[in-house]
Amino acid sequence: MAATAIALTKIPLNGGVELPATAALDGTAGAEIQFDGQDTKIVILIENGGSSAGDVTFKAGNGIQGVADLVVNVANGKTKAVVLESGAFKKAGKVYVTGAATMKAAALLLP
């Protein structure tokens, strides 16, 4: 299967939006998160719908800083917020994350 596409939900300045629904990662291909905003203003939400703690892996990017993957552990039934540096994790305008199909993701772009 193809990676799950995760679009950025833009939050307006002096305003708000409902949190987007999280989308399940493809168990094989993971997800690709659109990363075309300012990286320090993108918040990635990872939700664990499984019955035990689990890991997601943010794949190293193809820039000079992209030297290692980042593994993030999320407790069962919890949601974790992650902010990534684009130089280390962006590849072709996207960030790639893998994990079990019980993991879900969404992304917010701050003003």
PDB file of N, CA and C in Angstrom:
ATOM      1  N   MET A   1       0.831  -1.191   0.000  1.00  0.00           N
ATOM      2  CA  MET A   1       0.000   0.000   0.000  1.00  0.00           C
ATOM      3  C   MET A   1       0.871   1.249   0.000  1.00  0.00           C
ATOM      4  N   ALA A   2       0.264   2.354  -0.298  1.00  0.00           N
ATOM      5  CA  ALA A   2       0.964   3.633  -0.304  1.00  0.00           C
ATOM      6  C   ALA A   2       0.961   4.242   1.090  1.00  0.00           C
ATOM      7  N   ALA A   3       1.918   5.120   1.307  1.00  0.00           N
ATOM      8  CA  ALA A   3       1.985   5.838   2.585  1.00  0.00           C
ATOM      9  C   ALA A   3       0.744   6.714   2.739  1.00  0.00           C
ATOM     10  N   THR A   4       0.273   6.849   3.958  1.00  0.00           N
ATOM     11  CA  THR A   4      -0.859   7.719   4.267  1.00  0.00           C
ATOM     12  C   THR A   4      -0.415   9.171   4.108  1.00  0.00           C
ATOM     13  N   ALA A   5      -1.154   9.968   3.360  1.00  0.00           N
ATOM     14  CA  ALA A   5      -0.822  11.385   3.170  1.00  0.00           C
ATOM     15  C   ALA A   5      -1.433  12.205   4.304  1.00  0.00           C
ATOM     16  N   ILE A   6      -0.599  12.993   4.974  1.00  0.00           N
ATOM     17  CA  ILE A   6      -1.039  13.855   6.071  1.00  0.00           C
ATOM     18  C   ILE A   6      -0.837  15.308   5.637  1.00  0.00           C
ATOM     19  N   ALA A   7      -1.921  16.056   5.521  1.00  0.00           N
ATOM     20  CA  ALA A   7      -1.843  17.467   5.136  1.00  0.00           C
ATOM     21  C   ALA A   7      -1.715  18.341   6.382  1.00  0.00           C
ATOM     22  N   LEU A   8      -1.152  19.522   6.194  1.00  0.00           N
ATOM     23  CA  LEU A   8      -1.056  20.485   7.293  1.00  0.00           C
ATOM     24  C   LEU A   8      -2.400  21.172   7.503  1.00  0.00           C
ATOM     25  N   THR A   9      -2.813  21.306   8.740  1.00  0.00           N
ATOM     26  CA  THR A   9      -3.979  22.105   9.098  1.00  0.00           C
ATOM     27  C   THR A   9      -3.454  23.446   9.590  1.00  0.00           C
ATOM     28  N   LYS A  10      -3.771  24.509   8.876  1.00  0.00           N
ATOM     29  CA  LYS A  10      -3.257  25.836   9.218  1.00  0.00           C
ATOM     30  C   LYS A  10      -4.122  26.487  10.289  1.00  0.00           C
ATOM     31  N   ILE A  11      -3.464  27.003  11.317  1.00  0.00           N
ATOM     32  CA  ILE A  11      -4.149  27.716  12.394  1.00  0.00           C
ATOM     33  C   ILE A  11      -3.955  29.211  12.149  1.00  0.00           C
ATOM     34  N   PRO A  12      -5.024  29.981  12.030  1.00  0.00           N
ATOM     35  CA  PRO A  12      -4.871  31.412  11.773  1.00  0.00           C
ATOM     36  C   PRO A  12      -4.418  32.164  13.027  1.00  0.00           C
ATOM     37  N   LEU A  13      -3.704  33.256  12.807  1.00  0.00           N
ATOM     38  CA  LEU A  13      -3.295  34.127  13.908  1.00  0.00           C
ATOM     39  C   LEU A  13      -4.541  34.735  14.541  1.00  0.00           C
ATOM     40  N   ASN A  14      -4.577  34.794  15.845  1.00  0.00           N
ATOM     41  CA  ASN A  14      -5.718  35.320  16.601  1.00  0.00           C
ATOM     42  C   ASN A  14      -7.008  34.560  16.304  1.00  0.00           C
ATOM     43  N   GLY A  15      -6.868  33.296  16.012  1.00  0.00           N
ATOM     44  CA  GLY A  15      -8.032  32.466  15.717  1.00  0.00           C
ATOM     45  C   GLY A  15      -7.753  31.035  16.121  1.00  0.00           C
ATOM     46  N   GLY A  16      -8.596  30.166  15.713  1.00  0.00           N
ATOM     47  CA  GLY A  16      -8.420  28.765  16.059  1.00  0.00           C
ATOM     48  C   GLY A  16      -9.086  27.860  15.048  1.00  0.00           C
ATOM     49  N   VAL A  17      -8.782  26.595  15.149  1.00  0.00           N
ATOM     50  CA  VAL A  17      -9.398  25.570  14.313  1.00  0.00           C
ATOM     51  C   VAL A  17      -9.650  24.343  15.184  1.00  0.00           C
ATOM     52  N   GLU A  18     -10.576  23.521  14.758  1.00  0.00           N
ATOM     53  CA  GLU A  18     -10.750  22.244  15.432  1.00  0.00           C
ATOM     54  C   GLU A  18      -9.546  21.376  15.087  1.00  0.00           C
ATOM     55  N   LEU A  19      -9.117  20.566  16.046  1.00  0.00           N
ATOM     56  CA  LEU A  19      -8.016  19.659  15.756  1.00  0.00           C
ATOM     57  C   LEU A  19      -8.434  18.716  14.641  1.00  0.00           C
ATOM     58  N   PRO A  20      -7.532  18.463  13.693  1.00  0.00           N
ATOM     59  CA  PRO A  20      -7.883  17.549  12.604  1.00  0.00           C
ATOM     60  C   PRO A  20      -7.973  16.117  13.121  1.00  0.00           C
ATOM     61  N   ALA A  21      -8.752  15.315  12.427  1.00  0.00           N
ATOM     62  CA  ALA A  21      -8.792  13.890  12.758  1.00  0.00           C
ATOM     63  C   ALA A  21      -7.429  13.291  12.440  1.00  0.00           C
ATOM     64  N   THR A  22      -6.969  12.415  13.296  1.00  0.00           N
ATOM     65  CA  THR A  22      -5.706  11.743  13.026  1.00  0.00           C
ATOM     66  C   THR A  22      -5.954  10.612  12.039  1.00  0.00           C
ATOM     67  N   ALA A  23      -4.976  10.361  11.173  1.00  0.00           N
ATOM     68  CA  ALA A  23      -5.094   9.313  10.157  1.00  0.00           C
ATOM     69  C   ALA A  23      -4.129   8.185  10.487  1.00  0.00           C
ATOM     70  N   ALA A  24      -4.586   6.959  10.335  1.00  0.00           N
ATOM     71  CA  ALA A  24      -3.759   5.797  10.662  1.00  0.00           C
ATOM     72  C   ALA A  24      -2.562   5.696   9.723  1.00  0.00           C
ATOM     73  N   LEU A  25      -1.409   5.363  10.299  1.00  0.00           N
ATOM     74  CA  LEU A  25      -0.230   5.095   9.485  1.00  0.00           C
ATOM     75  C   LEU A  25      -0.453   3.788   8.733  1.00  0.00           C
ATOM     76  N   ASP A  26       0.028   3.716   7.513  1.00  0.00           N
ATOM     77  CA  ASP A  26       0.018   2.449   6.807  1.00  0.00           C
ATOM     78  C   ASP A  26       1.035   1.542   7.504  1.00  0.00           C
ATOM     79  N   GLY A  27       0.644   0.319   7.840  1.00  0.00           N
ATOM     80  CA  GLY A  27       1.510  -0.580   8.596  1.00  0.00           C
ATOM     81  C   GLY A  27       2.829  -0.895   7.919  1.00  0.00           C
ATOM     82  N   THR A  28       2.895  -0.742   6.599  1.00  0.00           N
ATOM     83  CA  THR A  28       4.126  -1.015   5.859  1.00  0.00           C
ATOM     84  C   THR A  28       4.825   0.273   5.430  1.00  0.00           C
ATOM     85  N   ALA A  29       4.083   1.161   4.784  1.00  0.00           N
ATOM     86  CA  ALA A  29       4.677   2.371   4.206  1.00  0.00           C
ATOM     87  C   ALA A  29       4.649   3.573   5.140  1.00  0.00           C
ATOM     88  N   GLY A  30       3.903   3.517   6.237  1.00  0.00           N
ATOM     89  CA  GLY A  30       3.845   4.636   7.179  1.00  0.00           C
ATOM     90  C   GLY A  30       3.019   5.791   6.661  1.00  0.00           C
ATOM     91  N   ALA A  31       3.543   7.002   6.843  1.00  0.00           N
ATOM     92  CA  ALA A  31       2.840   8.207   6.394  1.00  0.00           C
ATOM     93  C   ALA A  31       3.842   9.233   5.905  1.00  0.00           C
ATOM     94  N   GLU A  32       3.372  10.100   5.022  1.00  0.00           N
ATOM     95  CA  GLU A  32       4.175  11.231   4.570  1.00  0.00           C
ATOM     96  C   GLU A  32       3.435  12.494   4.979  1.00  0.00           C
ATOM     97  N   ILE A  33       4.150  13.344   5.705  1.00  0.00           N
ATOM     98  CA  ILE A  33       3.558  14.560   6.251  1.00  0.00           C
ATOM     99  C   ILE A  33       4.039  15.747   5.429  1.00  0.00           C
ATOM    100  N   GLN A  34       3.091  16.504   4.883  1.00  0.00           N
ATOM    101  CA  GLN A  34       3.438  17.698   4.119  1.00  0.00           C
ATOM    102  C   GLN A  34       4.240  18.625   5.020  1.00  0.00           C
ATOM    103  N   PHE A  35       5.397  19.088   4.554  1.00  0.00           N
ATOM    104  CA  PHE A  35       6.285  19.890   5.399  1.00  0.00           C
ATOM    105  C   PHE A  35       6.752  21.108   4.619  1.00  0.00           C
ATOM    106  N   ASP A  36       5.778  21.912   4.168  1.00  0.00           N
ATOM    107  CA  ASP A  36       6.122  23.058   3.335  1.00  0.00           C
ATOM    108  C   ASP A  36       5.929  24.396   4.038  1.00  0.00           C
ATOM    109  N   GLY A  37       5.739  24.362   5.346  1.00  0.00           N
ATOM    110  CA  GLY A  37       5.674  25.590   6.136  1.00  0.00           C
ATOM    111  C   GLY A  37       6.978  25.762   6.898  1.00  0.00           C
ATOM    112  N   GLN A  38       7.080  26.807   7.687  1.00  0.00           N
ATOM    113  CA  GLN A  38       8.269  27.005   8.511  1.00  0.00           C
ATOM    114  C   GLN A  38       8.344  25.874   9.533  1.00  0.00           C
ATOM    115  N   ASP A  39       9.463  25.149   9.529  1.00  0.00           N
ATOM    116  CA  ASP A  39       9.543  23.918  10.321  1.00  0.00           C
ATOM    117  C   ASP A  39       9.313  24.114  11.811  1.00  0.00           C
ATOM    118  N   THR A  40       9.756  25.219  12.368  1.00  0.00           N
ATOM    119  CA  THR A  40       9.579  25.429  13.807  1.00  0.00           C
ATOM    120  C   THR A  40       8.138  25.759  14.162  1.00  0.00           C
ATOM    121  N   LYS A  41       7.298  25.875  13.162  1.00  0.00           N
ATOM    122  CA  LYS A  41       5.890  26.178  13.407  1.00  0.00           C
ATOM    123  C   LYS A  41       4.984  25.010  13.026  1.00  0.00           C
ATOM    124  N   ILE A  42       5.563  23.842  12.790  1.00  0.00           N
ATOM    125  CA  ILE A  42       4.774  22.658  12.471  1.00  0.00           C
ATOM    126  C   ILE A  42       4.788  21.730  13.674  1.00  0.00           C
ATOM    127  N   VAL A  43       3.598  21.375  14.145  1.00  0.00           N
ATOM    128  CA  VAL A  43       3.450  20.450  15.268  1.00  0.00           C
ATOM    129  C   VAL A  43       2.820  19.173  14.724  1.00  0.00           C
ATOM    130  N   ILE A  44       3.490  18.057  14.945  1.00  0.00           N
ATOM    131  CA  ILE A  44       2.980  16.758  14.513  1.00  0.00           C
ATOM    132  C   ILE A  44       2.378  16.064  15.723  1.00  0.00           C
ATOM    133  N   LEU A  45       1.138  15.622  15.587  1.00  0.00           N
ATOM    134  CA  LEU A  45       0.460  14.892  16.657  1.00  0.00           C
ATOM    135  C   LEU A  45       0.500  13.409  16.327  1.00  0.00           C
ATOM    136  N   ILE A  46       0.982  12.598  17.263  1.00  0.00           N
ATOM    137  CA  ILE A  46       1.020  11.145  17.102  1.00  0.00           C
ATOM    138  C   ILE A  46       0.137  10.534  18.178  1.00  0.00           C
ATOM    139  N   GLU A  47      -0.869   9.792  17.754  1.00  0.00           N
ATOM    140  CA  GLU A  47      -1.828   9.172  18.668  1.00  0.00           C
ATOM    141  C   GLU A  47      -1.647   7.652  18.630  1.00  0.00           C
ATOM    142  N   ASN A  48      -1.560   7.042  19.800  1.00  0.00           N
ATOM    143  CA  ASN A  48      -1.420   5.593  19.888  1.00  0.00           C
ATOM    144  C   ASN A  48      -2.769   4.978  20.254  1.00  0.00           C
ATOM    145  N   GLY A  49      -3.386   4.300  19.305  1.00  0.00           N
ATOM    146  CA  GLY A  49      -4.662   3.643  19.548  1.00  0.00           C
ATOM    147  C   GLY A  49      -4.509   2.185  19.945  1.00  0.00           C
ATOM    148  N   GLY A  50      -3.268   1.759  20.157  1.00  0.00           N
ATOM    149  CA  GLY A  50      -3.015   0.367  20.513  1.00  0.00           C
ATOM    150  C   GLY A  50      -3.204   0.099  21.992  1.00  0.00           C
ATOM    151  N   SER A  51      -3.077  -1.168  22.359  1.00  0.00           N
ATOM    152  CA  SER A  51      -3.266  -1.569  23.758  1.00  0.00           C
ATOM    153  C   SER A  51      -1.970  -1.551  24.557  1.00  0.00           C
ATOM    154  N   SER A  52      -0.861  -1.218  23.903  1.00  0.00           N
ATOM    155  CA  SER A  52       0.416  -1.095  24.613  1.00  0.00           C
ATOM    156  C   SER A  52       1.209   0.050  24.006  1.00  0.00           C
ATOM    157  N   ALA A  53       2.252   0.472  24.706  1.00  0.00           N
ATOM    158  CA  ALA A  53       3.106   1.546  24.199  1.00  0.00           C
ATOM    159  C   ALA A  53       3.704   1.124  22.864  1.00  0.00           C
ATOM    160  N   GLY A  54       4.003   2.095  22.030  1.00  0.00           N
ATOM    161  CA  GLY A  54       4.586   1.784  20.728  1.00  0.00           C
ATOM    162  C   GLY A  54       5.469   2.911  20.240  1.00  0.00           C
ATOM    163  N   ASP A  55       6.277   2.591  19.243  1.00  0.00           N
ATOM    164  CA  ASP A  55       7.213   3.553  18.676  1.00  0.00           C
ATOM    165  C   ASP A  55       6.779   3.973  17.279  1.00  0.00           C
ATOM    166  N   VAL A  56       7.089   5.216  16.943  1.00  0.00           N
ATOM    167  CA  VAL A  56       7.056   5.676  15.563  1.00  0.00           C
ATOM    168  C   VAL A  56       8.466   6.138  15.244  1.00  0.00           C
ATOM    169  N   THR A  57       8.827   6.038  13.980  1.00  0.00           N
ATOM    170  CA  THR A  57      10.164   6.436  13.557  1.00  0.00           C
ATOM    171  C   THR A  57      10.048   7.521  12.505  1.00  0.00           C
ATOM    172  N   PHE A  58      10.624   8.681  12.794  1.00  0.00           N
ATOM    173  CA  PHE A  58      10.720   9.756  11.819  1.00  0.00           C
ATOM    174  C   PHE A  58      12.006   9.505  11.046  1.00  0.00           C
ATOM    175  N   LYS A  59      11.890   9.318   9.738  1.00  0.00           N
ATOM    176  CA  LYS A  59      13.025   8.943   8.915  1.00  0.00           C
ATOM    177  C   LYS A  59      13.930  10.151   8.658  1.00  0.00           C
ATOM    178  N   ALA A  60      15.234   9.905   8.647  1.00  0.00           N
ATOM    179  CA  ALA A  60      16.210  10.960   8.377  1.00  0.00           C
ATOM    180  C   ALA A  60      15.943  11.556   7.000  1.00  0.00           C
ATOM    181  N   GLY A  61      16.128  12.860   6.890  1.00  0.00           N
ATOM    182  CA  GLY A  61      15.928  13.545   5.623  1.00  0.00           C
ATOM    183  C   GLY A  61      17.120  13.373   4.700  1.00  0.00           C
ATOM    184  N   ASN A  62      17.062  14.023   3.539  1.00  0.00           N
ATOM    185  CA  ASN A  62      18.152  13.895   2.583  1.00  0.00           C
ATOM    186  C   ASN A  62      19.065  15.113   2.569  1.00  0.00           C
ATOM    187  N   GLY A  63      18.901  16.019   3.535  1.00  0.00           N
ATOM    188  CA  GLY A  63      19.798  17.163   3.657  1.00  0.00           C
ATOM    189  C   GLY A  63      21.059  16.789   4.413  1.00  0.00           C
ATOM    190  N   ILE A  64      22.000  17.701   4.478  1.00  0.00           N
ATOM    191  CA  ILE A  64      23.272  17.449   5.150  1.00  0.00           C
ATOM    192  C   ILE A  64      23.085  17.113   6.632  1.00  0.00           C
ATOM    193  N   GLN A  65      22.004  17.588   7.239  1.00  0.00           N
ATOM    194  CA  GLN A  65      21.741  17.311   8.654  1.00  0.00           C
ATOM    195  C   GLN A  65      20.983  16.004   8.861  1.00  0.00           C
ATOM    196  N   GLY A  66      20.521  15.387   7.797  1.00  0.00           N
ATOM    197  CA  GLY A  66      19.718  14.167   7.906  1.00  0.00           C
ATOM    198  C   GLY A  66      20.574  12.937   8.116  1.00  0.00           C
ATOM    199  N   VAL A  67      21.097  12.770   9.308  1.00  0.00           N
ATOM    200  CA  VAL A  67      22.038  11.680   9.567  1.00  0.00           C
ATOM    201  C   VAL A  67      21.437  10.505  10.322  1.00  0.00           C
ATOM    202  N   ALA A  68      20.326  10.690  11.002  1.00  0.00           N
ATOM    203  CA  ALA A  68      19.773   9.601  11.807  1.00  0.00           C
ATOM    204  C   ALA A  68      18.259   9.713  11.910  1.00  0.00           C
ATOM    205  N   ASP A  69      17.627   8.557  12.009  1.00  0.00           N
ATOM    206  CA  ASP A  69      16.195   8.508  12.279  1.00  0.00           C
ATOM    207  C   ASP A  69      15.945   8.922  13.727  1.00  0.00           C
ATOM    208  N   LEU A  70      14.725   9.330  14.026  1.00  0.00           N
ATOM    209  CA  LEU A  70      14.322   9.660  15.391  1.00  0.00           C
ATOM    210  C   LEU A  70      13.174   8.739  15.781  1.00  0.00           C
ATOM    211  N   VAL A  71      13.366   7.982  16.861  1.00  0.00           N
ATOM    212  CA  VAL A  71      12.328   7.088  17.366  1.00  0.00           C
ATOM    213  C   VAL A  71      11.648   7.767  18.547  1.00  0.00           C
ATOM    214  N   VAL A  72      10.311   7.837  18.495  1.00  0.00           N
ATOM    215  CA  VAL A  72       9.518   8.459  19.555  1.00  0.00           C
ATOM    216  C   VAL A  72       8.560   7.405  20.103  1.00  0.00           C
ATOM    217  N   ASN A  73       8.582   7.220  21.418  1.00  0.00           N
ATOM    218  CA  ASN A  73       7.697   6.257  22.067  1.00  0.00           C
ATOM    219  C   ASN A  73       6.437   6.974  22.533  1.00  0.00           C
ATOM    220  N   VAL A  74       5.283   6.355  22.273  1.00  0.00           N
ATOM    221  CA  VAL A  74       3.997   6.921  22.681  1.00  0.00           C
ATOM    222  C   VAL A  74       3.264   5.869  23.516  1.00  0.00           C
ATOM    223  N   ALA A  75       2.867   6.254  24.715  1.00  0.00           N
ATOM    224  CA  ALA A  75       2.141   5.343  25.603  1.00  0.00           C
ATOM    225  C   ALA A  75       0.782   4.999  25.006  1.00  0.00           C
ATOM    226  N   ASN A  76       0.261   3.828  25.369  1.00  0.00           N
ATOM    227  CA  ASN A  76      -1.039   3.424  24.828  1.00  0.00           C
ATOM    228  C   ASN A  76      -2.130   4.396  25.269  1.00  0.00           C
ATOM    229  N   GLY A  77      -3.006   4.720  24.312  1.00  0.00           N
ATOM    230  CA  GLY A  77      -4.115   5.621  24.589  1.00  0.00           C
ATOM    231  C   GLY A  77      -3.732   7.083  24.715  1.00  0.00           C
ATOM    232  N   LYS A  78      -2.495   7.423  24.427  1.00  0.00           N
ATOM    233  CA  LYS A  78      -2.014   8.805  24.576  1.00  0.00           C
ATOM    234  C   LYS A  78      -1.701   9.419  23.218  1.00  0.00           C
ATOM    235  N   THR A  79      -1.593  10.757  23.211  1.00  0.00           N
ATOM    236  CA  THR A  79      -1.193  11.513  22.032  1.00  0.00           C
ATOM    237  C   THR A  79       0.028  12.337  22.399  1.00  0.00           C
ATOM    238  N   LYS A  80       1.037  12.317  21.537  1.00  0.00           N
ATOM    239  CA  LYS A  80       2.264  13.066  21.782  1.00  0.00           C
ATOM    240  C   LYS A  80       2.429  14.113  20.686  1.00  0.00           C
ATOM    241  N   ALA A  81       2.896  15.308  21.066  1.00  0.00           N
ATOM    242  CA  ALA A  81       3.176  16.378  20.106  1.00  0.00           C
ATOM    243  C   ALA A  81       4.676  16.416  19.844  1.00  0.00           C
ATOM    244  N   VAL A  82       5.050  16.547  18.563  1.00  0.00           N
ATOM    245  CA  VAL A  82       6.455  16.525  18.164  1.00  0.00           C
ATOM    246  C   VAL A  82       6.712  17.699  17.225  1.00  0.00           C
ATOM    247  N   VAL A  83       7.835  18.397  17.429  1.00  0.00           N
ATOM    248  CA  VAL A  83       8.290  19.447  16.518  1.00  0.00           C
ATOM    249  C   VAL A  83       9.646  19.007  15.981  1.00  0.00           C
ATOM    250  N   LEU A  84       9.805  19.014  14.655  1.00  0.00           N
ATOM    251  CA  LEU A  84      11.031  18.544  14.024  1.00  0.00           C
ATOM    252  C   LEU A  84      11.731  19.660  13.263  1.00  0.00           C
ATOM    253  N   GLU A  85      13.041  19.552  13.154  1.00  0.00           N
ATOM    254  CA  GLU A  85      13.835  20.464  12.337  1.00  0.00           C
ATOM    255  C   GLU A  85      13.826  19.946  10.902  1.00  0.00           C
ATOM    256  N   SER A  86      13.478  20.794   9.959  1.00  0.00           N
ATOM    257  CA  SER A  86      13.358  20.346   8.574  1.00  0.00           C
ATOM    258  C   SER A  86      14.684  19.853   8.006  1.00  0.00           C
ATOM    259  N   GLY A  87      15.796  20.475   8.373  1.00  0.00           N
ATOM    260  CA  GLY A  87      17.090  20.069   7.837  1.00  0.00           C
ATOM    261  C   GLY A  87      17.443  18.633   8.161  1.00  0.00           C
ATOM    262  N   ALA A  88      16.949  18.132   9.267  1.00  0.00           N
ATOM    263  CA  ALA A  88      17.271  16.770   9.687  1.00  0.00           C
ATOM    264  C   ALA A  88      16.267  15.734   9.191  1.00  0.00           C
ATOM    265  N   PHE A  89      15.042  16.155   8.875  1.00  0.00           N
ATOM    266  CA  PHE A  89      14.006  15.158   8.589  1.00  0.00           C
ATOM    267  C   PHE A  89      13.233  15.361   7.291  1.00  0.00           C
ATOM    268  N   LYS A  90      13.394  16.501   6.614  1.00  0.00           N
ATOM    269  CA  LYS A  90      12.615  16.745   5.394  1.00  0.00           C
ATOM    270  C   LYS A  90      13.285  16.102   4.185  1.00  0.00           C
ATOM    271  N   LYS A  91      12.441  15.487   3.353  1.00  0.00           N
ATOM    272  CA  LYS A  91      12.909  14.883   2.102  1.00  0.00           C
ATOM    273  C   LYS A  91      11.854  15.168   1.047  1.00  0.00           C
ATOM    274  N   ALA A  92      12.219  15.924   0.027  1.00  0.00           N
ATOM    275  CA  ALA A  92      11.306  16.268  -1.073  1.00  0.00           C
ATOM    276  C   ALA A  92      10.030  16.936  -0.568  1.00  0.00           C
ATOM    277  N   GLY A  93      10.167  17.832   0.428  1.00  0.00           N
ATOM    278  CA  GLY A  93       9.028  18.594   0.927  1.00  0.00           C
ATOM    279  C   GLY A  93       8.130  17.856   1.895  1.00  0.00           C
ATOM    280  N   LYS A  94       8.568  16.669   2.325  1.00  0.00           N
ATOM    281  CA  LYS A  94       7.747  15.870   3.235  1.00  0.00           C
ATOM    282  C   LYS A  94       8.615  15.260   4.323  1.00  0.00           C
ATOM    283  N   VAL A  95       7.966  14.892   5.426  1.00  0.00           N
ATOM    284  CA  VAL A  95       8.606  14.122   6.491  1.00  0.00           C
ATOM    285  C   VAL A  95       7.943  12.757   6.477  1.00  0.00           C
ATOM    286  N   TYR A  96       8.757  11.724   6.559  1.00  0.00           N
ATOM    287  CA  TYR A  96       8.247  10.356   6.514  1.00  0.00           C
ATOM    288  C   TYR A  96       8.316   9.731   7.898  1.00  0.00           C
ATOM    289  N   VAL A  97       7.226   9.088   8.294  1.00  0.00           N
ATOM    290  CA  VAL A  97       7.143   8.452   9.610  1.00  0.00           C
ATOM    291  C   VAL A  97       6.585   7.045   9.424  1.00  0.00           C
ATOM    292  N   THR A  98       7.165   6.091  10.144  1.00  0.00           N
ATOM    293  CA  THR A  98       6.689   4.715  10.091  1.00  0.00           C
ATOM    294  C   THR A  98       6.311   4.251  11.488  1.00  0.00           C
ATOM    295  N   GLY A  99       5.462   3.248  11.539  1.00  0.00           N
ATOM    296  CA  GLY A  99       5.023   2.685  12.806  1.00  0.00           C
ATOM    297  C   GLY A  99       3.872   1.733  12.561  1.00  0.00           C
ATOM    298  N   ALA A 100       3.370   1.167  13.619  1.00  0.00           N
ATOM    299  CA  ALA A 100       2.251   0.229  13.514  1.00  0.00           C
ATOM    300  C   ALA A 100       0.996   0.939  13.017  1.00  0.00           C
ATOM    301  N   ALA A 101       0.085   0.172  12.442  1.00  0.00           N
ATOM    302  CA  ALA A 101      -1.174   0.735  11.939  1.00  0.00           C
ATOM    303  C   ALA A 101      -2.060   1.263  13.068  1.00  0.00           C
ATOM    304  N   THR A 102      -1.732   0.944  14.322  1.00  0.00           N
ATOM    305  CA  THR A 102      -2.488   1.489  15.461  1.00  0.00           C
ATOM    306  C   THR A 102      -2.057   2.913  15.791  1.00  0.00           C
ATOM    307  N   MET A 103      -0.979   3.370  15.163  1.00  0.00           N
ATOM    308  CA  MET A 103      -0.512   4.746  15.347  1.00  0.00           C
ATOM    309  C   MET A 103      -1.198   5.638  14.325  1.00  0.00           C
ATOM    310  N   LYS A 104      -1.580   6.829  14.754  1.00  0.00           N
ATOM    311  CA  LYS A 104      -2.242   7.796  13.878  1.00  0.00           C
ATOM    312  C   LYS A 104      -1.501   9.120  13.961  1.00  0.00           C
ATOM    313  N   ALA A 105      -1.625   9.929  12.905  1.00  0.00           N
ATOM    314  CA  ALA A 105      -0.911  11.205  12.872  1.00  0.00           C
ATOM    315  C   ALA A 105      -1.781  12.316  12.303  1.00  0.00           C
ATOM    316  N   ALA A 106      -1.455  13.538  12.707  1.00  0.00           N
ATOM    317  CA  ALA A 106      -2.028  14.764  12.156  1.00  0.00           C
ATOM    318  C   ALA A 106      -0.939  15.820  12.261  1.00  0.00           C
ATOM    319  N   ALA A 107      -1.090  16.921  11.532  1.00  0.00           N
ATOM    320  CA  ALA A 107      -0.071  17.968  11.566  1.00  0.00           C
ATOM    321  C   ALA A 107      -0.729  19.342  11.564  1.00  0.00           C
ATOM    322  N   LEU A 108      -0.191  20.228  12.394  1.00  0.00           N
ATOM    323  CA  LEU A 108      -0.693  21.593  12.529  1.00  0.00           C
ATOM    324  C   LEU A 108       0.390  22.581  12.126  1.00  0.00           C
ATOM    325  N   LEU A 109       0.005  23.631  11.405  1.00  0.00           N
ATOM    326  CA  LEU A 109       0.919  24.714  11.057  1.00  0.00           C
ATOM    327  C   LEU A 109       0.522  25.939  11.865  1.00  0.00           C
ATOM    328  N   LEU A 110       1.399  26.352  12.775  1.00  0.00           N
ATOM    329  CA  LEU A 110       1.138  27.524  13.609  1.00  0.00           C
ATOM    330  C   LEU A 110       1.351  28.792  12.799  1.00  0.00           C
ATOM    331  N   PRO A 111       0.699  29.895  13.189  1.00  0.00           N
ATOM    332  CA  PRO A 111       0.874  31.150  12.438  1.00  0.00           C
ATOM    333  C   PRO A 111       2.265  31.737  12.644  1.00  0.00           C
TER     334      PRO A 111
END
